[in-house]
Amino acid sequence: MEGILNYKQIAHLIGTSKKKTPAKLFLRGDLKEKDFSGSKFQFFGNGRFWVLIGDFEPIDKWLKKNEKKVSSFHWEINARNSAL
């Protein structure tokens, strides 16, 4: 059967792939859409409530850079260093 991976191929794929930490950040703050320009994650919202979805690292960097504009936030992490 073509297209089915054996255990060695699966282990290699997991071992060599770039690991990601899928995350959602729910936040409240004084933000505008332009505050997210150039971001490497998805963002939804308007006014004072926003949801950021993507890999933890770029979202966390963005949060640290914009912390003065954020009044409160909540992280939702689905996995850590996941290759899948």
N, C-alpha and C. Protein backbone atom coordinates (compact mmCIF):
# COMPACT_ATOMS: atom_id res chain seq x y z
N MET A 1 0.84 -1.19 0.00
CA MET A 1 0.00 0.00 0.00
C MET A 1 0.88 1.24 0.00
N GLU A 2 0.62 2.08 -0.93
CA GLU A 2 1.37 3.32 -1.02
C GLU A 2 0.69 4.39 -0.18
N GLY A 3 1.48 5.28 0.41
CA GLY A 3 0.92 6.37 1.19
C GLY A 3 0.83 6.08 2.67
N ILE A 4 1.08 4.85 3.08
CA ILE A 4 1.05 4.51 4.49
C ILE A 4 2.49 4.49 5.01
N LEU A 5 2.73 5.19 6.10
CA LEU A 5 4.07 5.27 6.67
C LEU A 5 4.30 4.14 7.67
N ASN A 6 5.52 3.61 7.68
CA ASN A 6 5.84 2.61 8.70
C ASN A 6 6.35 3.33 9.94
N TYR A 7 6.60 2.59 11.01
CA TYR A 7 6.98 3.22 12.28
C TYR A 7 8.29 3.98 12.18
N LYS A 8 9.23 3.52 11.35
CA LYS A 8 10.51 4.22 11.21
C LYS A 8 10.31 5.57 10.51
N GLN A 9 9.48 5.59 9.50
CA GLN A 9 9.20 6.84 8.78
C GLN A 9 8.48 7.83 9.70
N ILE A 10 7.56 7.34 10.49
CA ILE A 10 6.83 8.21 11.42
C ILE A 10 7.78 8.78 12.46
N ALA A 11 8.65 7.94 13.02
CA ALA A 11 9.62 8.40 14.03
C ALA A 11 10.56 9.43 13.43
N HIS A 12 11.00 9.21 12.19
CA HIS A 12 11.89 10.17 11.52
C HIS A 12 11.16 11.50 11.30
N LEU A 13 9.93 11.43 10.84
CA LEU A 13 9.14 12.63 10.59
C LEU A 13 8.97 13.44 11.88
N ILE A 14 8.63 12.79 12.96
CA ILE A 14 8.46 13.48 14.24
C ILE A 14 9.79 14.02 14.75
N GLY A 15 10.84 13.24 14.63
CA GLY A 15 12.15 13.64 15.14
C GLY A 15 12.78 14.81 14.41
N THR A 16 12.49 14.95 13.12
CA THR A 16 13.15 16.00 12.33
C THR A 16 12.27 17.21 12.05
N SER A 17 11.00 17.13 12.39
CA SER A 17 10.12 18.27 12.10
C SER A 17 10.32 19.39 13.10
N LYS A 18 9.98 20.61 12.68
CA LYS A 18 10.06 21.77 13.57
C LYS A 18 8.93 21.67 14.58
N LYS A 19 9.29 21.73 15.83
CA LYS A 19 8.30 21.61 16.91
C LYS A 19 7.58 22.94 17.11
N LYS A 20 6.29 22.86 17.39
CA LYS A 20 5.48 24.05 17.64
C LYS A 20 4.64 23.84 18.89
N THR A 21 4.26 24.93 19.48
CA THR A 21 3.37 24.90 20.64
C THR A 21 2.11 25.68 20.25
N PRO A 22 1.06 24.96 19.79
CA PRO A 22 -0.16 25.64 19.38
C PRO A 22 -0.80 26.38 20.56
N ALA A 23 -1.14 27.64 20.34
CA ALA A 23 -1.65 28.45 21.45
C ALA A 23 -2.73 29.42 20.99
N LYS A 24 -3.56 29.80 21.96
CA LYS A 24 -4.53 30.87 21.77
C LYS A 24 -4.32 31.85 22.91
N LEU A 25 -4.35 33.12 22.59
CA LEU A 25 -4.24 34.15 23.62
C LEU A 25 -5.48 35.03 23.52
N PHE A 26 -6.25 35.06 24.59
CA PHE A 26 -7.42 35.92 24.68
C PHE A 26 -6.97 37.15 25.45
N LEU A 27 -7.20 38.33 24.88
CA LEU A 27 -6.71 39.51 25.58
C LEU A 27 -7.66 40.68 25.49
N ARG A 28 -7.50 41.55 26.47
CA ARG A 28 -8.26 42.80 26.55
C ARG A 28 -7.23 43.91 26.62
N GLY A 29 -7.46 44.95 25.84
CA GLY A 29 -6.52 46.06 25.88
C GLY A 29 -6.85 47.12 24.87
N ASP A 30 -6.06 48.15 24.86
CA ASP A 30 -6.24 49.29 23.96
C ASP A 30 -5.45 49.02 22.68
N LEU A 31 -6.03 48.22 21.78
CA LEU A 31 -5.32 47.77 20.57
C LEU A 31 -6.11 48.10 19.31
N LYS A 32 -5.39 48.25 18.25
CA LYS A 32 -5.97 48.47 16.92
C LYS A 32 -5.40 47.41 15.99
N GLU A 33 -6.05 47.19 14.87
CA GLU A 33 -5.58 46.18 13.92
C GLU A 33 -4.14 46.43 13.48
N LYS A 34 -3.73 47.69 13.39
CA LYS A 34 -2.36 48.01 12.97
C LYS A 34 -1.32 47.50 13.97
N ASP A 35 -1.72 47.28 15.23
CA ASP A 35 -0.79 46.75 16.23
C ASP A 35 -0.34 45.32 15.90
N PHE A 36 -1.07 44.66 15.01
CA PHE A 36 -0.75 43.28 14.64
C PHE A 36 -0.06 43.18 13.29
N SER A 37 0.27 44.29 12.65
CA SER A 37 0.88 44.24 11.32
C SER A 37 2.21 43.49 11.38
N GLY A 38 2.43 42.63 10.40
CA GLY A 38 3.65 41.84 10.33
C GLY A 38 3.68 40.65 11.27
N SER A 39 2.57 40.38 11.94
CA SER A 39 2.55 39.27 12.90
C SER A 39 2.58 37.93 12.17
N LYS A 40 3.09 36.92 12.85
CA LYS A 40 3.19 35.57 12.29
C LYS A 40 2.16 34.65 12.94
N PHE A 41 0.98 35.18 13.18
CA PHE A 41 -0.12 34.43 13.77
C PHE A 41 -1.43 35.07 13.30
N GLN A 42 -2.52 34.36 13.51
CA GLN A 42 -3.84 34.90 13.16
C GLN A 42 -4.35 35.73 14.33
N PHE A 43 -5.14 36.75 14.02
CA PHE A 43 -5.73 37.56 15.08
C PHE A 43 -7.15 37.93 14.68
N PHE A 44 -8.02 37.96 15.67
CA PHE A 44 -9.43 38.27 15.45
C PHE A 44 -9.90 39.18 16.57
N GLY A 45 -10.76 40.09 16.24
CA GLY A 45 -11.35 40.95 17.26
C GLY A 45 -11.45 42.38 16.80
N ASN A 46 -11.86 43.23 17.71
CA ASN A 46 -11.89 44.67 17.49
C ASN A 46 -12.14 45.35 18.83
N GLY A 47 -11.90 46.61 18.84
CA GLY A 47 -12.09 47.33 20.09
C GLY A 47 -11.14 46.85 21.17
N ARG A 48 -11.71 46.42 22.28
CA ARG A 48 -10.87 46.05 23.43
C ARG A 48 -10.67 44.55 23.61
N PHE A 49 -11.31 43.70 22.77
CA PHE A 49 -11.16 42.25 22.93
C PHE A 49 -10.58 41.62 21.68
N TRP A 50 -9.53 40.80 21.85
CA TRP A 50 -8.85 40.16 20.73
C TRP A 50 -8.50 38.71 21.07
N VAL A 51 -8.42 37.88 20.02
CA VAL A 51 -7.97 36.50 20.15
C VAL A 51 -6.83 36.30 19.16
N LEU A 52 -5.69 35.80 19.65
CA LEU A 52 -4.53 35.53 18.81
C LEU A 52 -4.35 34.02 18.76
N ILE A 53 -4.14 33.48 17.55
CA ILE A 53 -4.02 32.03 17.38
C ILE A 53 -2.78 31.73 16.55
N GLY A 54 -1.97 30.80 17.04
CA GLY A 54 -0.77 30.41 16.30
C GLY A 54 0.23 29.73 17.22
N ASP A 55 1.49 29.77 16.81
CA ASP A 55 2.55 29.19 17.62
C ASP A 55 2.85 30.09 18.82
N PHE A 56 3.12 29.50 19.97
CA PHE A 56 3.34 30.24 21.21
C PHE A 56 4.45 31.28 21.08
N GLU A 57 5.56 30.91 20.48
CA GLU A 57 6.74 31.80 20.47
C GLU A 57 6.47 33.17 19.85
N PRO A 58 5.95 33.26 18.61
CA PRO A 58 5.71 34.60 18.07
C PRO A 58 4.61 35.38 18.81
N ILE A 59 3.62 34.68 19.33
CA ILE A 59 2.57 35.37 20.10
C ILE A 59 3.16 35.92 21.39
N ASP A 60 3.98 35.13 22.07
CA ASP A 60 4.60 35.58 23.32
C ASP A 60 5.52 36.77 23.07
N LYS A 61 6.28 36.75 21.99
CA LYS A 61 7.15 37.90 21.65
C LYS A 61 6.31 39.15 21.42
N TRP A 62 5.20 38.99 20.70
CA TRP A 62 4.30 40.12 20.44
C TRP A 62 3.75 40.66 21.76
N LEU A 63 3.32 39.75 22.66
CA LEU A 63 2.75 40.16 23.94
C LEU A 63 3.76 40.95 24.77
N LYS A 64 4.99 40.49 24.82
CA LYS A 64 6.02 41.20 25.59
C LYS A 64 6.29 42.59 25.00
N LYS A 65 6.25 42.69 23.68
CA LYS A 65 6.49 43.97 23.00
C LYS A 65 5.34 44.95 23.24
N ASN A 66 4.12 44.44 23.40
CA ASN A 66 2.93 45.28 23.51
C ASN A 66 2.27 45.24 24.88
N GLU A 67 3.00 44.81 25.91
CA GLU A 67 2.39 44.60 27.22
C GLU A 67 1.76 45.86 27.83
N LYS A 68 2.25 47.03 27.48
CA LYS A 68 1.68 48.26 28.04
C LYS A 68 0.28 48.55 27.50
N LYS A 69 -0.05 47.98 26.35
CA LYS A 69 -1.37 48.19 25.75
C LYS A 69 -2.39 47.15 26.21
N VAL A 70 -1.91 46.10 26.89
CA VAL A 70 -2.77 44.97 27.28
C VAL A 70 -3.13 45.10 28.76
N SER A 71 -4.42 45.04 29.07
CA SER A 71 -4.85 45.15 30.47
C SER A 71 -5.03 43.78 31.13
N SER A 72 -5.42 42.77 30.36
CA SER A 72 -5.54 41.41 30.91
C SER A 72 -5.47 40.41 29.77
N PHE A 73 -5.08 39.17 30.11
CA PHE A 73 -4.99 38.14 29.08
C PHE A 73 -5.10 36.75 29.69
N HIS A 74 -5.39 35.78 28.83
CA HIS A 74 -5.48 34.38 29.25
C HIS A 74 -4.93 33.51 28.12
N TRP A 75 -3.97 32.63 28.46
CA TRP A 75 -3.39 31.70 27.49
C TRP A 75 -4.18 30.40 27.48
N GLU A 76 -4.29 29.79 26.29
CA GLU A 76 -4.79 28.43 26.14
C GLU A 76 -3.76 27.68 25.31
N ILE A 77 -3.06 26.74 25.93
CA ILE A 77 -2.02 25.97 25.27
C ILE A 77 -2.55 24.56 25.03
N ASN A 78 -2.51 24.09 23.77
CA ASN A 78 -3.07 22.79 23.43
C ASN A 78 -2.05 21.66 23.52
N ALA A 79 -0.78 21.96 23.31
CA ALA A 79 0.30 20.96 23.36
C ALA A 79 1.60 21.72 23.50
N ARG A 80 2.66 21.03 23.88
CA ARG A 80 3.97 21.68 23.98
C ARG A 80 4.94 20.97 23.06
N ASN A 81 5.66 21.75 22.27
CA ASN A 81 6.68 21.23 21.36
C ASN A 81 6.16 20.06 20.53
N SER A 82 5.02 20.26 19.92
CA SER A 82 4.37 19.22 19.13
C SER A 82 4.90 19.20 17.71
N ALA A 83 5.12 18.00 17.20
CA ALA A 83 5.55 17.85 15.82
C ALA A 83 4.37 17.49 14.94
N LEU A 84 3.23 17.26 15.54
CA LEU A 84 2.06 16.82 14.78
C LEU A 84 1.05 17.92 14.62
